[in-house]
Amino acid sequence: MKKIETIIRPSVFADVRQALALEGIDGLTVTEIAGIGKQEGRVGLFRGNAYRMEFSPKLKLEMVVSDEKVEDIIQALLDYASTGEVGDGKIFILPVEEAIRIRTKERGTVAIG
């Protein structure tokens, strides 16, 4: 099993979510975050005063999947999260040693399905 964490633009979430659903991903965790990277910040305006917004709003998606689904999910993320601009995000793949569904005590890939 692998945990896939991806950071994407909020504007592409609907398309990414639909693509993940087509890949059989029914459950995922979505967190609103803010980050800074090569995209840098942007200039905002508040009560007539310009100020630099250092952090850009992003979404962090987390899902645990079977090893067999990893490449298809990566491809879906690359296809639907990309705008071609700096700041499109990142994908991280981490090994998962074990998954346990608390309610039923199921373990392994059956617990993530």
N, C-alpha and C. Protein backbone atom coordinates (compact mmCIF):
# COMPACT_ATOMS: atom_id res chain seq x y z
N MET A 1 0.83 -1.17 0.00
CA MET A 1 0.00 0.00 0.00
C MET A 1 0.88 1.24 0.00
N LYS A 2 0.31 2.30 -0.58
CA LYS A 2 1.01 3.57 -0.62
C LYS A 2 0.07 4.69 -0.20
N LYS A 3 0.64 5.71 0.41
CA LYS A 3 -0.10 6.92 0.70
C LYS A 3 0.32 7.94 -0.35
N ILE A 4 -0.67 8.51 -1.03
CA ILE A 4 -0.40 9.55 -2.02
C ILE A 4 -0.86 10.87 -1.41
N GLU A 5 0.06 11.80 -1.32
CA GLU A 5 -0.25 13.16 -0.88
C GLU A 5 0.01 14.06 -2.07
N THR A 6 -0.92 14.91 -2.38
CA THR A 6 -0.73 15.85 -3.47
C THR A 6 -1.20 17.23 -3.06
N ILE A 7 -0.48 18.21 -3.50
CA ILE A 7 -0.85 19.61 -3.25
C ILE A 7 -1.23 20.20 -4.60
N ILE A 8 -2.45 20.73 -4.67
CA ILE A 8 -2.97 21.23 -5.94
C ILE A 8 -3.60 22.62 -5.75
N ARG A 9 -3.87 23.26 -6.88
CA ARG A 9 -4.60 24.53 -6.87
C ARG A 9 -6.08 24.23 -6.56
N PRO A 10 -6.72 25.08 -5.77
CA PRO A 10 -8.16 24.89 -5.51
C PRO A 10 -9.00 24.90 -6.78
N SER A 11 -8.57 25.64 -7.78
CA SER A 11 -9.36 25.78 -9.01
C SER A 11 -9.46 24.50 -9.82
N VAL A 12 -8.57 23.53 -9.59
CA VAL A 12 -8.62 22.28 -10.36
C VAL A 12 -9.24 21.13 -9.58
N PHE A 13 -9.68 21.40 -8.35
CA PHE A 13 -10.14 20.32 -7.48
C PHE A 13 -11.31 19.53 -8.07
N ALA A 14 -12.30 20.19 -8.63
CA ALA A 14 -13.47 19.48 -9.16
C ALA A 14 -13.07 18.47 -10.23
N ASP A 15 -12.20 18.88 -11.15
CA ASP A 15 -11.75 17.97 -12.20
C ASP A 15 -10.90 16.83 -11.63
N VAL A 16 -10.04 17.14 -10.67
CA VAL A 16 -9.20 16.12 -10.05
C VAL A 16 -10.07 15.12 -9.30
N ARG A 17 -11.05 15.61 -8.56
CA ARG A 17 -11.94 14.73 -7.79
C ARG A 17 -12.68 13.77 -8.72
N GLN A 18 -13.17 14.29 -9.83
CA GLN A 18 -13.89 13.45 -10.79
C GLN A 18 -12.95 12.39 -11.39
N ALA A 19 -11.73 12.79 -11.72
CA ALA A 19 -10.76 11.84 -12.28
C ALA A 19 -10.41 10.76 -11.26
N LEU A 20 -10.26 11.13 -9.99
CA LEU A 20 -9.97 10.14 -8.95
C LEU A 20 -11.15 9.18 -8.76
N ALA A 21 -12.37 9.70 -8.84
CA ALA A 21 -13.55 8.83 -8.73
C ALA A 21 -13.57 7.81 -9.86
N LEU A 22 -13.18 8.21 -11.07
CA LEU A 22 -13.12 7.28 -12.20
C LEU A 22 -12.05 6.22 -11.99
N GLU A 23 -11.05 6.51 -11.18
CA GLU A 23 -10.00 5.54 -10.86
C GLU A 23 -10.38 4.68 -9.65
N GLY A 24 -11.58 4.88 -9.12
CA GLY A 24 -12.05 4.06 -8.01
C GLY A 24 -11.71 4.60 -6.64
N ILE A 25 -11.29 5.86 -6.56
CA ILE A 25 -10.96 6.46 -5.27
C ILE A 25 -12.23 7.08 -4.70
N ASP A 26 -12.81 6.41 -3.71
CA ASP A 26 -14.05 6.88 -3.10
C ASP A 26 -13.78 7.73 -1.87
N GLY A 27 -12.66 7.51 -1.21
CA GLY A 27 -12.36 8.23 0.02
C GLY A 27 -11.02 8.92 -0.05
N LEU A 28 -11.01 10.16 0.37
CA LEU A 28 -9.77 10.89 0.48
C LEU A 28 -9.94 12.00 1.51
N THR A 29 -8.84 12.49 2.00
CA THR A 29 -8.85 13.59 2.94
C THR A 29 -8.42 14.84 2.20
N VAL A 30 -9.17 15.93 2.38
CA VAL A 30 -8.85 17.20 1.73
C VAL A 30 -8.65 18.24 2.83
N THR A 31 -7.53 18.94 2.77
CA THR A 31 -7.21 19.97 3.75
C THR A 31 -6.88 21.26 3.02
N GLU A 32 -7.47 22.36 3.46
CA GLU A 32 -7.11 23.67 2.92
C GLU A 32 -5.80 24.10 3.56
N ILE A 33 -4.83 24.45 2.72
CA ILE A 33 -3.52 24.85 3.22
C ILE A 33 -3.08 26.12 2.50
N ALA A 34 -1.96 26.66 2.91
CA ALA A 34 -1.32 27.78 2.22
C ALA A 34 0.16 27.47 2.14
N GLY A 35 0.77 27.82 1.03
CA GLY A 35 2.18 27.50 0.87
C GLY A 35 2.90 28.55 0.06
N ILE A 36 4.21 28.43 0.08
CA ILE A 36 5.06 29.32 -0.69
C ILE A 36 6.13 28.47 -1.35
N GLY A 37 6.44 28.80 -2.58
CA GLY A 37 7.45 28.07 -3.32
C GLY A 37 7.91 28.93 -4.47
N LYS A 38 8.19 28.31 -5.60
CA LYS A 38 8.64 29.06 -6.77
C LYS A 38 7.57 30.02 -7.28
N GLN A 39 6.31 29.71 -6.99
CA GLN A 39 5.22 30.57 -7.42
C GLN A 39 5.30 31.93 -6.73
N GLU A 40 5.95 31.96 -5.58
CA GLU A 40 6.09 33.14 -4.75
C GLU A 40 4.71 33.64 -4.35
N GLY A 41 4.59 34.89 -4.04
CA GLY A 41 3.32 35.43 -3.59
C GLY A 41 2.67 36.27 -4.66
N ARG A 42 1.70 37.05 -4.24
CA ARG A 42 1.06 37.99 -5.14
C ARG A 42 0.72 39.24 -4.34
N VAL A 43 0.37 40.30 -5.03
CA VAL A 43 0.06 41.55 -4.36
C VAL A 43 -1.44 41.64 -4.16
N GLY A 44 -1.84 41.96 -2.92
CA GLY A 44 -3.25 42.14 -2.59
C GLY A 44 -3.52 43.60 -2.28
N LEU A 45 -4.78 43.95 -2.17
CA LEU A 45 -5.18 45.30 -1.86
C LEU A 45 -6.18 45.25 -0.72
N PHE A 46 -5.90 45.98 0.35
CA PHE A 46 -6.80 46.03 1.50
C PHE A 46 -6.95 47.48 1.93
N ARG A 47 -8.16 47.98 1.84
CA ARG A 47 -8.47 49.37 2.21
C ARG A 47 -7.53 50.37 1.54
N GLY A 48 -7.29 50.13 0.28
CA GLY A 48 -6.47 51.05 -0.51
C GLY A 48 -4.98 50.87 -0.35
N ASN A 49 -4.56 49.94 0.48
CA ASN A 49 -3.13 49.70 0.69
C ASN A 49 -2.73 48.38 0.04
N ALA A 50 -1.67 48.44 -0.74
CA ALA A 50 -1.14 47.23 -1.36
C ALA A 50 -0.27 46.49 -0.36
N TYR A 51 -0.39 45.19 -0.36
CA TYR A 51 0.46 44.37 0.51
C TYR A 51 0.79 43.08 -0.22
N ARG A 52 1.90 42.50 0.16
CA ARG A 52 2.36 41.26 -0.49
C ARG A 52 1.80 40.06 0.26
N MET A 53 1.11 39.20 -0.47
CA MET A 53 0.59 37.96 0.11
C MET A 53 1.63 36.89 -0.16
N GLU A 54 2.35 36.48 0.86
CA GLU A 54 3.46 35.54 0.70
C GLU A 54 3.00 34.12 0.39
N PHE A 55 1.87 33.72 0.95
CA PHE A 55 1.42 32.34 0.81
C PHE A 55 0.25 32.26 -0.17
N SER A 56 0.25 31.20 -0.97
CA SER A 56 -0.83 30.98 -1.92
C SER A 56 -1.74 29.88 -1.38
N PRO A 57 -3.06 30.04 -1.54
CA PRO A 57 -3.97 28.99 -1.08
C PRO A 57 -3.84 27.73 -1.95
N LYS A 58 -3.83 26.59 -1.31
CA LYS A 58 -3.72 25.29 -1.98
C LYS A 58 -4.63 24.29 -1.28
N LEU A 59 -4.80 23.14 -1.89
CA LEU A 59 -5.48 22.02 -1.26
C LEU A 59 -4.50 20.86 -1.17
N LYS A 60 -4.53 20.18 -0.04
CA LYS A 60 -3.72 18.97 0.12
C LYS A 60 -4.68 17.78 0.13
N LEU A 61 -4.48 16.85 -0.80
CA LEU A 61 -5.28 15.64 -0.88
C LEU A 61 -4.43 14.48 -0.40
N GLU A 62 -5.03 13.63 0.42
CA GLU A 62 -4.33 12.45 0.93
C GLU A 62 -5.20 11.23 0.72
N MET A 63 -4.60 10.16 0.23
CA MET A 63 -5.32 8.91 0.03
C MET A 63 -4.36 7.74 0.18
N VAL A 64 -4.85 6.63 0.69
CA VAL A 64 -4.07 5.40 0.80
C VAL A 64 -4.67 4.42 -0.20
N VAL A 65 -3.80 3.87 -1.05
CA VAL A 65 -4.27 3.02 -2.15
C VAL A 65 -3.41 1.77 -2.25
N SER A 66 -3.94 0.78 -2.95
CA SER A 66 -3.15 -0.43 -3.21
C SER A 66 -2.04 -0.09 -4.20
N ASP A 67 -0.96 -0.85 -4.15
CA ASP A 67 0.18 -0.59 -5.02
C ASP A 67 -0.21 -0.59 -6.50
N GLU A 68 -1.19 -1.41 -6.86
CA GLU A 68 -1.60 -1.54 -8.26
C GLU A 68 -2.23 -0.27 -8.81
N LYS A 69 -2.80 0.56 -7.96
CA LYS A 69 -3.50 1.77 -8.42
C LYS A 69 -2.60 3.01 -8.50
N VAL A 70 -1.40 2.93 -7.96
CA VAL A 70 -0.56 4.12 -7.81
C VAL A 70 -0.30 4.82 -9.14
N GLU A 71 0.17 4.11 -10.14
CA GLU A 71 0.54 4.76 -11.41
C GLU A 71 -0.67 5.38 -12.11
N ASP A 72 -1.83 4.72 -12.06
CA ASP A 72 -3.03 5.30 -12.68
C ASP A 72 -3.46 6.58 -11.97
N ILE A 73 -3.32 6.60 -10.66
CA ILE A 73 -3.68 7.80 -9.89
C ILE A 73 -2.69 8.93 -10.16
N ILE A 74 -1.42 8.60 -10.22
CA ILE A 74 -0.42 9.62 -10.56
C ILE A 74 -0.74 10.23 -11.92
N GLN A 75 -1.06 9.39 -12.90
CA GLN A 75 -1.36 9.90 -14.24
C GLN A 75 -2.60 10.79 -14.23
N ALA A 76 -3.63 10.39 -13.48
CA ALA A 76 -4.84 11.21 -13.37
C ALA A 76 -4.51 12.57 -12.76
N LEU A 77 -3.68 12.57 -11.72
CA LEU A 77 -3.29 13.83 -11.08
C LEU A 77 -2.49 14.70 -12.05
N LEU A 78 -1.57 14.10 -12.78
CA LEU A 78 -0.78 14.86 -13.75
C LEU A 78 -1.66 15.43 -14.86
N ASP A 79 -2.64 14.66 -15.29
CA ASP A 79 -3.52 15.10 -16.38
C ASP A 79 -4.47 16.21 -15.94
N TYR A 80 -5.02 16.11 -14.75
CA TYR A 80 -6.11 17.01 -14.35
C TYR A 80 -5.70 18.13 -13.39
N ALA A 81 -4.53 18.05 -12.77
CA ALA A 81 -4.10 19.11 -11.85
C ALA A 81 -3.19 20.12 -12.53
N SER A 82 -2.72 19.81 -13.71
CA SER A 82 -1.75 20.67 -14.38
C SER A 82 -2.42 21.80 -15.16
N THR A 83 -1.92 23.01 -14.93
CA THR A 83 -2.32 24.16 -15.75
C THR A 83 -1.16 24.59 -16.63
N GLY A 84 0.02 24.02 -16.38
CA GLY A 84 1.22 24.41 -17.11
C GLY A 84 1.92 25.61 -16.52
N GLU A 85 1.43 26.11 -15.42
CA GLU A 85 2.00 27.29 -14.78
C GLU A 85 2.76 26.90 -13.51
N VAL A 86 3.69 27.75 -13.10
CA VAL A 86 4.38 27.56 -11.83
C VAL A 86 3.34 27.57 -10.73
N GLY A 87 3.46 26.64 -9.78
CA GLY A 87 2.51 26.58 -8.67
C GLY A 87 1.44 25.52 -8.82
N ASP A 88 1.58 24.64 -9.83
CA ASP A 88 0.60 23.58 -10.02
C ASP A 88 0.58 22.58 -8.87
N GLY A 89 1.70 22.42 -8.17
CA GLY A 89 1.71 21.54 -7.01
C GLY A 89 2.74 20.43 -7.08
N LYS A 90 2.56 19.47 -6.19
CA LYS A 90 3.48 18.35 -6.06
C LYS A 90 2.70 17.08 -5.75
N ILE A 91 3.33 15.94 -6.01
CA ILE A 91 2.79 14.63 -5.64
C ILE A 91 3.87 13.92 -4.84
N PHE A 92 3.47 13.37 -3.69
CA PHE A 92 4.39 12.60 -2.85
C PHE A 92 3.83 11.20 -2.68
N ILE A 93 4.69 10.19 -2.77
CA ILE A 93 4.30 8.80 -2.60
C ILE A 93 5.07 8.25 -1.40
N LEU A 94 4.32 7.72 -0.42
CA LEU A 94 4.94 7.20 0.80
C LEU A 94 4.49 5.75 1.02
N PRO A 95 5.38 4.90 1.52
CA PRO A 95 4.97 3.53 1.84
C PRO A 95 4.06 3.51 3.07
N VAL A 96 3.10 2.60 3.07
CA VAL A 96 2.21 2.40 4.22
C VAL A 96 2.42 0.98 4.71
N GLU A 97 2.82 0.84 5.95
CA GLU A 97 3.11 -0.47 6.51
C GLU A 97 1.83 -1.25 6.80
N GLU A 98 0.82 -0.56 7.32
CA GLU A 98 -0.42 -1.24 7.71
C GLU A 98 -1.57 -0.25 7.72
N ALA A 99 -2.76 -0.73 7.43
CA ALA A 99 -3.99 0.06 7.55
C ALA A 99 -4.99 -0.78 8.33
N ILE A 100 -5.69 -0.15 9.25
CA ILE A 100 -6.67 -0.86 10.09
C ILE A 100 -7.95 -0.04 10.14
N ARG A 101 -9.05 -0.66 9.78
CA ARG A 101 -10.36 -0.01 9.92
C ARG A 101 -10.82 -0.23 11.36
N ILE A 102 -11.00 0.84 12.08
CA ILE A 102 -11.30 0.75 13.50
C ILE A 102 -12.62 0.02 13.76
N ARG A 103 -13.66 0.36 13.02
CA ARG A 103 -14.99 -0.22 13.28
C ARG A 103 -15.00 -1.73 13.16
N THR A 104 -14.40 -2.27 12.09
CA THR A 104 -14.48 -3.72 11.83
C THR A 104 -13.20 -4.47 12.19
N LYS A 105 -12.16 -3.71 12.49
CA LYS A 105 -10.84 -4.27 12.80
C LYS A 105 -10.18 -4.95 11.59
N GLU A 106 -10.70 -4.70 10.39
CA GLU A 106 -10.09 -5.24 9.18
C GLU A 106 -8.71 -4.62 8.99
N ARG A 107 -7.81 -5.41 8.40
CA ARG A 107 -6.45 -4.95 8.20
C ARG A 107 -6.05 -5.09 6.73
N GLY A 108 -5.05 -4.27 6.34
CA GLY A 108 -4.50 -4.36 5.00
C GLY A 108 -5.34 -3.66 3.97
N THR A 109 -5.24 -4.11 2.72
CA THR A 109 -5.94 -3.44 1.63
C THR A 109 -7.46 -3.48 1.77
N VAL A 110 -7.98 -4.49 2.44
CA VAL A 110 -9.44 -4.56 2.67
C VAL A 110 -9.90 -3.40 3.55
N ALA A 111 -9.02 -2.89 4.39
CA ALA A 111 -9.37 -1.78 5.28
C ALA A 111 -9.41 -0.43 4.55
N ILE A 112 -8.80 -0.34 3.39
CA ILE A 112 -8.79 0.93 2.66
C ILE A 112 -9.84 0.99 1.55
N GLY A 113 -10.50 -0.12 1.31
CA GLY A 113 -11.49 -0.18 0.23
C GLY A 113 -12.85 0.31 0.60
